[in-house]
């Protein structure tokens, strides 16, 4: 039961970190600085960031205990200070867990102490970025030795940051679509935000594909492609890639069909709820798939890569 617990806690950390980072950033760049639709005026934005930081703090510490228990052989051994100290001082995954916990505690303190505003959003963005980057030291990225080690580590960090920007934005857009549809000004803000994200999304896809290819080079290798079908790691990786392709299809539908449909409804003064409902369904499915992908990544981190088998 310890390994499933580690996988689950990794998933929770991934999701909470990407909301803290990506949602904070989206509230800054996608929404107006002030007035109707401003990120700092949304009643749910501060609780979202606060709960993300709190969950991340608990999950980071619990994940450290669970991972130590797996390495030590039992929960009783994993709870011993000597075991925890050994993992923190000798393994990058232990130190990275403490970094995540400390950054999450600082983010939670900022949410509780500071008034809603862009300074708070920037603090959460910065701390969320540090936390997201730290995941590279929890997986295979930091384990690569030799001249390519630095390239693999950087690719892993950029992959996590790009995923965080994407997933955090999905959460914000879904939050904007949950409110009542009788506010025309807010719908104009929503449409501009969705339309503006199109360029950002294209850049994110490019980064995810490029860094994914780098990671695959190290974790699979051109000479071990058959391992994609014959090993548990390869099979999960293929499933992850298939889900990513589906998410790209949903993102394309949002960009080229559903967002323009909302714009037409606004321009022609038509009922907007059908367009909003379609966007809401699409974003819900895309967000759900993104959580499944994060779960697969958490699982992949517990398996030996194809290149090591």
C-alpha atoms as a PDB file:
ATOM      1  CA  UNK A   1       0.000   0.000   0.000  1.00  0.00           C
ATOM      2  CA  UNK A   2       2.979   2.343   0.368  1.00  0.00           C
ATOM      3  CA  UNK A   3       3.779   2.686  -3.342  1.00  0.00           C
ATOM      4  CA  UNK A   4       0.173   3.600  -4.310  1.00  0.00           C
ATOM      5  CA  UNK A   5       0.284   6.193  -1.529  1.00  0.00           C
ATOM      6  CA  UNK A   6       3.477   7.677  -3.001  1.00  0.00           C
ATOM      7  CA  UNK A   7       1.904   7.835  -6.464  1.00  0.00           C
ATOM      8  CA  UNK A   8      -1.258   9.485  -5.120  1.00  0.00           C
ATOM      9  CA  UNK A   9       0.685  12.052  -3.104  1.00  0.00           C
ATOM     10  CA  UNK A  10       2.835  12.835  -6.136  1.00  0.00           C
ATOM     11  CA  UNK A  11      -0.324  13.438  -8.162  1.00  0.00           C
ATOM     12  CA  UNK A  12      -1.681  15.764  -5.468  1.00  0.00           C
ATOM     13  CA  UNK A  13       1.593  17.693  -5.397  1.00  0.00           C
ATOM     14  CA  UNK A  14       1.677  18.019  -9.201  1.00  0.00           C
ATOM     15  CA  UNK A  15      -1.901  19.300  -9.370  1.00  0.00           C
ATOM     16  CA  UNK A  16      -1.616  21.710  -6.433  1.00  0.00           C
ATOM     17  CA  UNK A  17       1.706  23.142  -7.642  1.00  0.00           C
ATOM     18  CA  UNK A  18       0.448  23.733 -11.162  1.00  0.00           C
ATOM     19  CA  UNK A  19      -2.658  25.479  -9.875  1.00  0.00           C
ATOM     20  CA  UNK A  20      -0.569  27.659  -7.560  1.00  0.00           C
ATOM     21  CA  UNK A  21       1.848  28.535 -10.363  1.00  0.00           C
ATOM     22  CA  UNK A  22      -0.218  28.482 -13.534  1.00  0.00           C
ATOM     23  CA  UNK A  23      -3.439  29.915 -12.133  1.00  0.00           C
ATOM     24  CA  UNK A  24      -1.626  32.807 -10.452  1.00  0.00           C
ATOM     25  CA  UNK A  25       0.190  33.580 -13.687  1.00  0.00           C
ATOM     26  CA  UNK A  26      -3.017  33.352 -15.726  1.00  0.00           C
ATOM     27  CA  UNK A  27      -4.791  35.766 -13.372  1.00  0.00           C
ATOM     28  CA  UNK A  28      -1.961  38.230 -14.068  1.00  0.00           C
ATOM     29  CA  UNK A  29      -1.533  38.062 -17.846  1.00  0.00           C
ATOM     30  CA  UNK A  30      -4.943  36.946 -19.130  1.00  0.00           C
ATOM     31  CA  UNK A  31      -7.272  39.200 -17.129  1.00  0.00           C
ATOM     32  CA  UNK A  32      -7.494  43.013 -16.731  1.00  0.00           C
ATOM     33  CA  UNK A  33      -5.323  44.678 -14.119  1.00  0.00           C
ATOM     34  CA  UNK A  34      -8.403  46.230 -12.515  1.00  0.00           C
ATOM     35  CA  UNK A  35     -12.123  46.662 -12.957  1.00  0.00           C
ATOM     36  CA  UNK A  36     -14.626  44.088 -14.246  1.00  0.00           C
ATOM     37  CA  UNK A  37     -13.055  40.669 -14.615  1.00  0.00           C
ATOM     38  CA  UNK A  38      -9.835  41.569 -12.807  1.00  0.00           C
ATOM     39  CA  UNK A  39      -8.102  38.568 -11.312  1.00  0.00           C
ATOM     40  CA  UNK A  40      -7.770  40.250  -7.924  1.00  0.00           C
ATOM     41  CA  UNK A  41     -11.526  40.887  -7.769  1.00  0.00           C
ATOM     42  CA  UNK A  42     -12.594  37.299  -8.354  1.00  0.00           C
ATOM     43  CA  UNK A  43     -13.981  36.010  -5.072  1.00  0.00           C
ATOM     44  CA  UNK A  44     -12.704  32.497  -5.636  1.00  0.00           C
ATOM     45  CA  UNK A  45      -9.121  33.286  -6.701  1.00  0.00           C
ATOM     46  CA  UNK A  46      -7.669  33.829  -3.232  1.00  0.00           C
ATOM     47  CA  UNK A  47      -9.255  30.669  -1.702  1.00  0.00           C
ATOM     48  CA  UNK A  48      -8.061  28.695  -4.742  1.00  0.00           C
ATOM     49  CA  UNK A  49      -4.452  29.740  -4.188  1.00  0.00           C
ATOM     50  CA  UNK A  50      -4.694  29.331  -0.411  1.00  0.00           C
ATOM     51  CA  UNK A  51      -6.067  25.820  -0.597  1.00  0.00           C
ATOM     52  CA  UNK A  52      -3.531  24.878  -3.271  1.00  0.00           C
ATOM     53  CA  UNK A  53      -0.681  26.015  -1.031  1.00  0.00           C
ATOM     54  CA  UNK A  54      -2.131  24.267   2.034  1.00  0.00           C
ATOM     55  CA  UNK A  55      -2.705  20.981   0.201  1.00  0.00           C
ATOM     56  CA  UNK A  56       0.763  21.186  -1.313  1.00  0.00           C
ATOM     57  CA  UNK A  57       2.351  21.728   2.106  1.00  0.00           C
ATOM     58  CA  UNK A  58       0.629  18.674   3.593  1.00  0.00           C
ATOM     59  CA  UNK A  59       1.180  16.488   0.519  1.00  0.00           C
ATOM     60  CA  UNK A  60       4.893  17.372   0.315  1.00  0.00           C
ATOM     61  CA  UNK A  61       5.550  16.334   3.902  1.00  0.00           C
ATOM     62  CA  UNK A  62       3.316  13.271   3.666  1.00  0.00           C
ATOM     63  CA  UNK A  63       4.985  12.342   0.382  1.00  0.00           C
ATOM     64  CA  UNK A  64       8.402  12.548   2.012  1.00  0.00           C
ATOM     65  CA  UNK A  65       7.272  10.171   4.757  1.00  0.00           C
ATOM     66  CA  UNK A  66       5.677   7.782   2.250  1.00  0.00           C
ATOM     67  CA  UNK A  67       8.737   7.755  -0.010  1.00  0.00           C
ATOM     68  CA  UNK A  68      11.032   7.208   2.964  1.00  0.00           C
ATOM     69  CA  UNK A  69       8.804   4.350   4.137  1.00  0.00           C
ATOM     70  CA  UNK A  70       9.089   2.673   0.736  1.00  0.00           C
ATOM     71  CA  UNK A  71      12.868   2.948   0.842  1.00  0.00           C
ATOM     72  CA  UNK A  72      13.054   1.821   4.486  1.00  0.00           C
ATOM     73  CA  UNK A  73      10.643  -1.064   4.010  1.00  0.00           C
ATOM     74  CA  UNK A  74       7.830  -0.062   6.358  1.00  0.00           C
ATOM     75  CA  UNK A  75       5.865   2.911   7.624  1.00  0.00           C
ATOM     76  CA  UNK A  76       7.286   2.458  11.102  1.00  0.00           C
ATOM     77  CA  UNK A  77      10.831   2.737   9.758  1.00  0.00           C
ATOM     78  CA  UNK A  78       9.870   5.617   7.477  1.00  0.00           C
ATOM     79  CA  UNK A  79       8.612   7.663  10.428  1.00  0.00           C
ATOM     80  CA  UNK A  80      11.940   7.429  12.238  1.00  0.00           C
ATOM     81  CA  UNK A  81      13.910  10.666  12.320  1.00  0.00           C
ATOM     82  CA  UNK A  82      17.079   8.835  11.311  1.00  0.00           C
ATOM     83  CA  UNK A  83      15.423   7.468   8.160  1.00  0.00           C
ATOM     84  CA  UNK A  84      13.934  10.828   7.202  1.00  0.00           C
ATOM     85  CA  UNK A  85      17.242  12.575   7.851  1.00  0.00           C
ATOM     86  CA  UNK A  86      19.080  10.092   5.654  1.00  0.00           C
ATOM     87  CA  UNK A  87      16.693  10.632   2.735  1.00  0.00           C
ATOM     88  CA  UNK A  88      16.830  14.428   3.054  1.00  0.00           C
ATOM     89  CA  UNK A  89      20.604  14.638   3.335  1.00  0.00           C
ATOM     90  CA  UNK A  90      21.613  11.980   0.796  1.00  0.00           C
ATOM     91  CA  UNK A  91      18.879  11.983  -1.859  1.00  0.00           C
ATOM     92  CA  UNK A  92      17.704  14.795  -4.110  1.00  0.00           C
ATOM     93  CA  UNK A  93      14.081  13.712  -3.785  1.00  0.00           C
ATOM     94  CA  UNK A  94      14.210  14.284  -0.025  1.00  0.00           C
ATOM     95  CA  UNK A  95      15.696  17.758  -0.260  1.00  0.00           C
ATOM     96  CA  UNK A  96      13.291  18.724  -3.048  1.00  0.00           C
ATOM     97  CA  UNK A  97      10.363  17.699  -0.822  1.00  0.00           C
ATOM     98  CA  UNK A  98      11.559  20.089   1.876  1.00  0.00           C
ATOM     99  CA  UNK A  99      11.952  22.853  -0.714  1.00  0.00           C
ATOM    100  CA  UNK A 100       8.367  22.297  -1.845  1.00  0.00           C
ATOM    101  CA  UNK A 101       7.063  22.295   1.717  1.00  0.00           C
ATOM    102  CA  UNK A 102       8.934  25.495   2.589  1.00  0.00           C
ATOM    103  CA  UNK A 103       7.786  27.282  -0.587  1.00  0.00           C
ATOM    104  CA  UNK A 104       4.194  26.123  -0.022  1.00  0.00           C
ATOM    105  CA  UNK A 105       4.308  27.398   3.560  1.00  0.00           C
ATOM    106  CA  UNK A 106       5.530  30.792   2.337  1.00  0.00           C
ATOM    107  CA  UNK A 107       2.785  30.930  -0.296  1.00  0.00           C
ATOM    108  CA  UNK A 108       0.125  30.032   2.272  1.00  0.00           C
ATOM    109  CA  UNK A 109       1.439  32.705   4.631  1.00  0.00           C
ATOM    110  CA  UNK A 110       1.330  35.282   1.832  1.00  0.00           C
ATOM    111  CA  UNK A 111      -2.275  34.392   1.001  1.00  0.00           C
ATOM    112  CA  UNK A 112      -3.309  34.665   4.649  1.00  0.00           C
ATOM    113  CA  UNK A 113      -1.406  37.892   5.394  1.00  0.00           C
ATOM    114  CA  UNK A 114      -1.418  39.981   2.221  1.00  0.00           C
ATOM    115  CA  UNK A 115      -4.434  41.724   0.740  1.00  0.00           C
ATOM    116  CA  UNK A 116      -5.682  40.499  -2.649  1.00  0.00           C
ATOM    117  CA  UNK A 117      -3.654  42.160  -5.379  1.00  0.00           C
ATOM    118  CA  UNK A 118      -1.044  41.643  -8.059  1.00  0.00           C
ATOM    119  CA  UNK A 119       1.873  41.507  -5.564  1.00  0.00           C
ATOM    120  CA  UNK A 120       0.229  38.451  -3.986  1.00  0.00           C
ATOM    121  CA  UNK A 121      -0.296  36.882  -7.408  1.00  0.00           C
ATOM    122  CA  UNK A 122       3.356  37.464  -8.331  1.00  0.00           C
ATOM    123  CA  UNK A 123       4.526  35.908  -5.059  1.00  0.00           C
ATOM    124  CA  UNK A 124       2.382  32.823  -5.661  1.00  0.00           C
ATOM    125  CA  UNK A 125       3.611  32.645  -9.256  1.00  0.00           C
ATOM    126  CA  UNK A 126       7.258  32.781  -8.227  1.00  0.00           C
ATOM    127  CA  UNK A 127       6.921  30.256  -5.420  1.00  0.00           C
ATOM    128  CA  UNK A 128       4.782  28.014  -7.628  1.00  0.00           C
ATOM    129  CA  UNK A 129       7.483  28.106 -10.303  1.00  0.00           C
ATOM    130  CA  UNK A 130      10.121  27.030  -7.772  1.00  0.00           C
ATOM    131  CA  UNK A 131       7.893  24.203  -6.594  1.00  0.00           C
ATOM    132  CA  UNK A 132       7.099  23.038 -10.133  1.00  0.00           C
ATOM    133  CA  UNK A 133      10.775  23.104 -11.088  1.00  0.00           C
ATOM    134  CA  UNK A 134      11.659  21.050  -8.001  1.00  0.00           C
ATOM    135  CA  UNK A 135       9.765  18.057  -9.405  1.00  0.00           C
ATOM    136  CA  UNK A 136      12.715  17.447 -11.727  1.00  0.00           C
ATOM    137  CA  UNK A 137      14.659  16.269  -8.672  1.00  0.00           C
ATOM    138  CA  UNK A 138      11.853  13.880  -7.701  1.00  0.00           C
ATOM    139  CA  UNK A 139      11.848  11.982 -11.006  1.00  0.00           C
ATOM    140  CA  UNK A 140      14.297  10.660 -13.566  1.00  0.00           C
ATOM    141  CA  UNK A 141      15.489  14.062 -14.777  1.00  0.00           C
ATOM    142  CA  UNK A 142      18.061  14.542 -12.030  1.00  0.00           C
ATOM    143  CA  UNK A 143      19.307  10.944 -12.230  1.00  0.00           C
ATOM    144  CA  UNK A 144      20.870  11.154 -15.696  1.00  0.00           C
ATOM    145  CA  UNK A 145      24.645  11.091 -15.518  1.00  0.00           C
ATOM    146  CA  UNK A 146      27.231  12.160 -18.055  1.00  0.00           C
ATOM    147  CA  UNK A 147      27.364  15.133 -20.435  1.00  0.00           C
ATOM    148  CA  UNK A 148      23.650  14.942 -21.214  1.00  0.00           C
ATOM    149  CA  UNK A 149      22.581  15.158 -17.593  1.00  0.00           C
ATOM    150  CA  UNK A 150      22.211  18.940 -17.558  1.00  0.00           C
ATOM    151  CA  UNK A 151      20.189  18.916 -20.787  1.00  0.00           C
ATOM    152  CA  UNK A 152      17.813  16.290 -19.391  1.00  0.00           C
ATOM    153  CA  UNK A 153      17.386  18.219 -16.139  1.00  0.00           C
ATOM    154  CA  UNK A 154      16.656  21.510 -17.921  1.00  0.00           C
ATOM    155  CA  UNK A 155      14.184  19.773 -20.243  1.00  0.00           C
ATOM    156  CA  UNK A 156      12.401  18.250 -17.247  1.00  0.00           C
ATOM    157  CA  UNK A 157      12.127  21.653 -15.544  1.00  0.00           C
ATOM    158  CA  UNK A 158      10.801  23.383 -18.669  1.00  0.00           C
ATOM    159  CA  UNK A 159       8.342  20.528 -19.248  1.00  0.00           C
ATOM    160  CA  UNK A 160       6.919  20.935 -15.737  1.00  0.00           C
ATOM    161  CA  UNK A 161       6.683  24.735 -16.031  1.00  0.00           C
ATOM    162  CA  UNK A 162       4.930  24.589 -19.412  1.00  0.00           C
ATOM    163  CA  UNK A 163       2.473  22.016 -18.096  1.00  0.00           C
ATOM    164  CA  UNK A 164       1.829  24.230 -15.082  1.00  0.00           C
ATOM    165  CA  UNK A 165       0.991  27.260 -17.236  1.00  0.00           C
ATOM    166  CA  UNK A 166      -1.439  25.164 -19.318  1.00  0.00           C
ATOM    167  CA  UNK A 167      -3.200  23.394 -16.447  1.00  0.00           C
ATOM    168  CA  UNK A 168      -3.367  26.507 -14.288  1.00  0.00           C
ATOM    169  CA  UNK A 169      -5.019  28.413 -17.138  1.00  0.00           C
ATOM    170  CA  UNK A 170      -7.596  25.632 -17.613  1.00  0.00           C
ATOM    171  CA  UNK A 171      -8.575  25.955 -13.951  1.00  0.00           C
ATOM    172  CA  UNK A 172      -8.983  29.741 -14.227  1.00  0.00           C
ATOM    173  CA  UNK A 173     -11.044  29.563 -17.417  1.00  0.00           C
ATOM    174  CA  UNK A 174     -13.267  26.866 -15.951  1.00  0.00           C
ATOM    175  CA  UNK A 175     -13.739  29.033 -12.860  1.00  0.00           C
ATOM    176  CA  UNK A 176     -14.761  31.983 -15.013  1.00  0.00           C
ATOM    177  CA  UNK A 177     -17.334  29.827 -16.813  1.00  0.00           C
ATOM    178  CA  UNK A 178     -18.955  28.609 -13.588  1.00  0.00           C
ATOM    179  CA  UNK A 179     -20.579  31.952 -12.799  1.00  0.00           C
ATOM    180  CA  UNK A 180     -23.987  33.113 -14.074  1.00  0.00           C
ATOM    181  CA  UNK A 181     -24.173  34.122 -17.738  1.00  0.00           C
ATOM    182  CA  UNK A 182     -26.057  37.423 -17.269  1.00  0.00           C
ATOM    183  CA  UNK A 183     -22.911  39.585 -17.054  1.00  0.00           C
ATOM    184  CA  UNK A 184     -22.102  40.713 -20.606  1.00  0.00           C
ATOM    185  CA  UNK A 185     -19.000  42.674 -19.581  1.00  0.00           C
ATOM    186  CA  UNK A 186     -17.551  39.636 -17.805  1.00  0.00           C
ATOM    187  CA  UNK A 187     -18.210  37.489 -20.876  1.00  0.00           C
ATOM    188  CA  UNK A 188     -16.285  40.000 -22.995  1.00  0.00           C
ATOM    189  CA  UNK A 189     -13.374  39.649 -20.565  1.00  0.00           C
ATOM    190  CA  UNK A 190     -13.653  35.847 -20.754  1.00  0.00           C
ATOM    191  CA  UNK A 191     -13.638  35.912 -24.552  1.00  0.00           C
ATOM    192  CA  UNK A 192     -10.583  38.182 -24.684  1.00  0.00           C
ATOM    193  CA  UNK A 193      -8.778  35.939 -22.195  1.00  0.00           C
ATOM    194  CA  UNK A 194      -9.555  32.775 -24.163  1.00  0.00           C
ATOM    195  CA  UNK A 195      -8.607  34.435 -27.444  1.00  0.00           C
ATOM    196  CA  UNK A 196      -5.386  35.809 -25.966  1.00  0.00           C
ATOM    197  CA  UNK A 197      -4.398  32.410 -24.602  1.00  0.00           C
ATOM    198  CA  UNK A 198      -4.287  30.997 -28.139  1.00  0.00           C
ATOM    199  CA  UNK A 199      -0.774  32.337 -28.763  1.00  0.00           C
ATOM    200  CA  UNK A 200       0.418  31.309 -25.335  1.00  0.00           C
ATOM    201  CA  UNK A 201      -1.019  27.834 -25.859  1.00  0.00           C
ATOM    202  CA  UNK A 202       0.853  27.392 -29.142  1.00  0.00           C
ATOM    203  CA  UNK A 203       4.114  28.252 -27.401  1.00  0.00           C
ATOM    204  CA  UNK A 204       3.345  25.838 -24.573  1.00  0.00           C
ATOM    205  CA  UNK A 205       2.672  22.998 -27.005  1.00  0.00           C
ATOM    206  CA  UNK A 206       6.000  23.677 -28.725  1.00  0.00           C
ATOM    207  CA  UNK A 207       7.862  23.581 -25.394  1.00  0.00           C
ATOM    208  CA  UNK A 208       6.048  20.423 -24.251  1.00  0.00           C
ATOM    209  CA  UNK A 209       6.756  18.596 -27.509  1.00  0.00           C
ATOM    210  CA  UNK A 210      10.412  19.662 -27.658  1.00  0.00           C
ATOM    211  CA  UNK A 211      11.163  18.832 -24.020  1.00  0.00           C
ATOM    212  CA  UNK A 212       9.152  15.618 -24.284  1.00  0.00           C
ATOM    213  CA  UNK A 213      11.349  14.503 -27.171  1.00  0.00           C
ATOM    214  CA  UNK A 214      14.488  15.280 -25.147  1.00  0.00           C
ATOM    215  CA  UNK A 215      13.165  13.338 -22.163  1.00  0.00           C
ATOM    216  CA  UNK A 216      12.187  10.403 -24.391  1.00  0.00           C
ATOM    217  CA  UNK A 217      15.691  10.329 -25.873  1.00  0.00           C
ATOM    218  CA  UNK A 218      17.142   9.737 -22.418  1.00  0.00           C
ATOM    219  CA  UNK A 219      14.387   7.551 -20.940  1.00  0.00           C
ATOM    220  CA  UNK A 220      13.612   5.417 -23.984  1.00  0.00           C
ATOM    221  CA  UNK A 221      16.373   5.940 -26.537  1.00  0.00           C
ATOM    222  CA  UNK A 222      16.268   5.431 -30.302  1.00  0.00           C
ATOM    223  CA  UNK A 223      17.521   1.851 -29.995  1.00  0.00           C
ATOM    224  CA  UNK A 224      14.879   0.779 -27.470  1.00  0.00           C
ATOM    225  CA  UNK A 225      11.678   1.901 -29.178  1.00  0.00           C
ATOM    226  CA  UNK A 226      10.234  -1.607 -28.983  1.00  0.00           C
ATOM    227  CA  UNK A 227      10.222  -1.121 -25.211  1.00  0.00           C
ATOM    228  CA  UNK A 228       7.282   1.255 -25.685  1.00  0.00           C
ATOM    229  CA  UNK A 229       5.120  -1.833 -26.265  1.00  0.00           C
ATOM    230  CA  UNK A 230       6.848  -4.441 -24.092  1.00  0.00           C
ATOM    231  CA  UNK A 231       7.551  -2.653 -20.786  1.00  0.00           C
ATOM    232  CA  UNK A 232       5.177  -1.149 -18.192  1.00  0.00           C
ATOM    233  CA  UNK A 233       6.999   2.188 -18.454  1.00  0.00           C
ATOM    234  CA  UNK A 234       6.678   2.239 -22.236  1.00  0.00           C
ATOM    235  CA  UNK A 235       2.986   1.314 -22.191  1.00  0.00           C
ATOM    236  CA  UNK A 236       2.145   4.046 -19.688  1.00  0.00           C
ATOM    237  CA  UNK A 237       4.189   6.537 -21.701  1.00  0.00           C
ATOM    238  CA  UNK A 238       2.249   5.657 -24.860  1.00  0.00           C
ATOM    239  CA  UNK A 239      -1.037   6.104 -22.972  1.00  0.00           C
ATOM    240  CA  UNK A 240       0.166   9.488 -21.726  1.00  0.00           C
ATOM    241  CA  UNK A 241       1.030  10.557 -25.285  1.00  0.00           C
ATOM    242  CA  UNK A 242      -2.392   9.476 -26.559  1.00  0.00           C
ATOM    243  CA  UNK A 243      -4.128  11.525 -23.868  1.00  0.00           C
ATOM    244  CA  UNK A 244      -1.911  14.486 -24.721  1.00  0.00           C
ATOM    245  CA  UNK A 245      -3.016  14.232 -28.359  1.00  0.00           C
ATOM    246  CA  UNK A 246      -6.659  14.223 -27.235  1.00  0.00           C
ATOM    247  CA  UNK A 247      -5.983  17.329 -25.124  1.00  0.00           C
ATOM    248  CA  UNK A 248      -4.457  19.018 -28.174  1.00  0.00           C
ATOM    249  CA  UNK A 249      -7.624  18.226 -30.102  1.00  0.00           C
ATOM    250  CA  UNK A 250      -9.792  19.741 -27.375  1.00  0.00           C
ATOM    251  CA  UNK A 251      -7.559  22.816 -27.200  1.00  0.00           C
ATOM    252  CA  UNK A 252      -7.816  23.229 -30.984  1.00  0.00           C
ATOM    253  CA  UNK A 253     -11.615  22.966 -30.793  1.00  0.00           C
ATOM    254  CA  UNK A 254     -11.647  25.639 -28.078  1.00  0.00           C
ATOM    255  CA  UNK A 255      -9.427  27.942 -30.108  1.00  0.00           C
ATOM    256  CA  UNK A 256     -10.940  27.572 -33.581  1.00  0.00           C
ATOM    257  CA  UNK A 257     -14.589  26.802 -32.873  1.00  0.00           C
ATOM    258  CA  UNK A 258     -15.884  27.301 -29.336  1.00  0.00           C
ATOM    259  CA  UNK A 259     -14.162  30.601 -28.489  1.00  0.00           C
ATOM    260  CA  UNK A 260     -15.165  32.199 -31.825  1.00  0.00           C
ATOM    261  CA  UNK A 261     -18.751  30.990 -31.203  1.00  0.00           C
ATOM    262  CA  UNK A 262     -18.802  32.940 -27.935  1.00  0.00           C
ATOM    263  CA  UNK A 263     -17.444  35.978 -29.771  1.00  0.00           C
ATOM    264  CA  UNK A 264     -20.203  35.770 -32.389  1.00  0.00           C
ATOM    265  CA  UNK A 265     -22.862  35.523 -29.668  1.00  0.00           C
ATOM    266  CA  UNK A 266     -21.432  38.628 -27.990  1.00  0.00           C
ATOM    267  CA  UNK A 267     -21.162  40.616 -31.232  1.00  0.00           C
ATOM    268  CA  UNK A 268     -24.670  39.699 -32.431  1.00  0.00           C
ATOM    269  CA  UNK A 269     -26.288  40.014 -28.998  1.00  0.00           C
ATOM    270  CA  UNK A 270     -27.424  36.393 -29.123  1.00  0.00           C
ATOM    271  CA  UNK A 271     -27.936  34.055 -26.128  1.00  0.00           C
ATOM    272  CA  UNK A 272     -24.469  33.254 -24.851  1.00  0.00           C
ATOM    273  CA  UNK A 273     -25.217  30.275 -22.618  1.00  0.00           C
ATOM    274  CA  UNK A 274     -25.026  27.627 -25.392  1.00  0.00           C
ATOM    275  CA  UNK A 275     -21.506  28.784 -26.283  1.00  0.00           C
ATOM    276  CA  UNK A 276     -20.549  29.020 -22.614  1.00  0.00           C
ATOM    277  CA  UNK A 277     -21.934  25.543 -21.916  1.00  0.00           C
ATOM    278  CA  UNK A 278     -19.951  24.052 -24.810  1.00  0.00           C
ATOM    279  CA  UNK A 279     -16.768  25.718 -23.568  1.00  0.00           C
ATOM    280  CA  UNK A 280     -17.469  24.559 -20.026  1.00  0.00           C
ATOM    281  CA  UNK A 281     -17.874  20.923 -21.135  1.00  0.00           C
ATOM    282  CA  UNK A 282     -14.729  21.030 -23.249  1.00  0.00           C
ATOM    283  CA  UNK A 283     -12.621  22.615 -20.507  1.00  0.00           C
ATOM    284  CA  UNK A 284     -13.939  20.146 -17.943  1.00  0.00           C
ATOM    285  CA  UNK A 285     -12.948  17.195 -20.138  1.00  0.00           C
ATOM    286  CA  UNK A 286      -9.553  18.746 -20.927  1.00  0.00           C
ATOM    287  CA  UNK A 287      -8.887  19.420 -17.228  1.00  0.00           C
ATOM    288  CA  UNK A 288      -9.937  15.887 -16.305  1.00  0.00           C
ATOM    289  CA  UNK A 289      -7.600  14.429 -18.905  1.00  0.00           C
ATOM    290  CA  UNK A 290      -4.786  16.633 -17.631  1.00  0.00           C
ATOM    291  CA  UNK A 291      -5.243  15.162 -14.137  1.00  0.00           C
ATOM    292  CA  UNK A 292      -5.111  11.652 -15.596  1.00  0.00           C
ATOM    293  CA  UNK A 293      -1.877  12.592 -17.381  1.00  0.00           C
ATOM    294  CA  UNK A 294      -0.433  13.889 -14.099  1.00  0.00           C
ATOM    295  CA  UNK A 295      -1.417  10.597 -12.466  1.00  0.00           C
ATOM    296  CA  UNK A 296       0.431   8.681 -15.185  1.00  0.00           C
ATOM    297  CA  UNK A 297       3.494  10.888 -14.695  1.00  0.00           C
ATOM    298  CA  UNK A 298       3.373  10.186 -10.965  1.00  0.00           C
ATOM    299  CA  UNK A 299       3.239   6.459 -11.732  1.00  0.00           C
ATOM    300  CA  UNK A 300       6.019   6.639 -14.338  1.00  0.00           C
ATOM    301  CA  UNK A 301       8.286   8.216 -11.717  1.00  0.00           C
ATOM    302  CA  UNK A 302       8.081   4.980  -9.731  1.00  0.00           C
ATOM    303  CA  UNK A 303       9.098   2.730 -12.652  1.00  0.00           C
ATOM    304  CA  UNK A 304      12.442   2.021 -14.270  1.00  0.00           C
ATOM    305  CA  UNK A 305      12.571   3.748 -17.676  1.00  0.00           C
ATOM    306  CA  UNK A 306      12.861   1.732 -20.866  1.00  0.00           C
ATOM    307  CA  UNK A 307      16.529   2.722 -21.252  1.00  0.00           C
ATOM    308  CA  UNK A 308      17.335   1.085 -17.898  1.00  0.00           C
ATOM    309  CA  UNK A 309      15.672  -2.240 -18.651  1.00  0.00           C
END
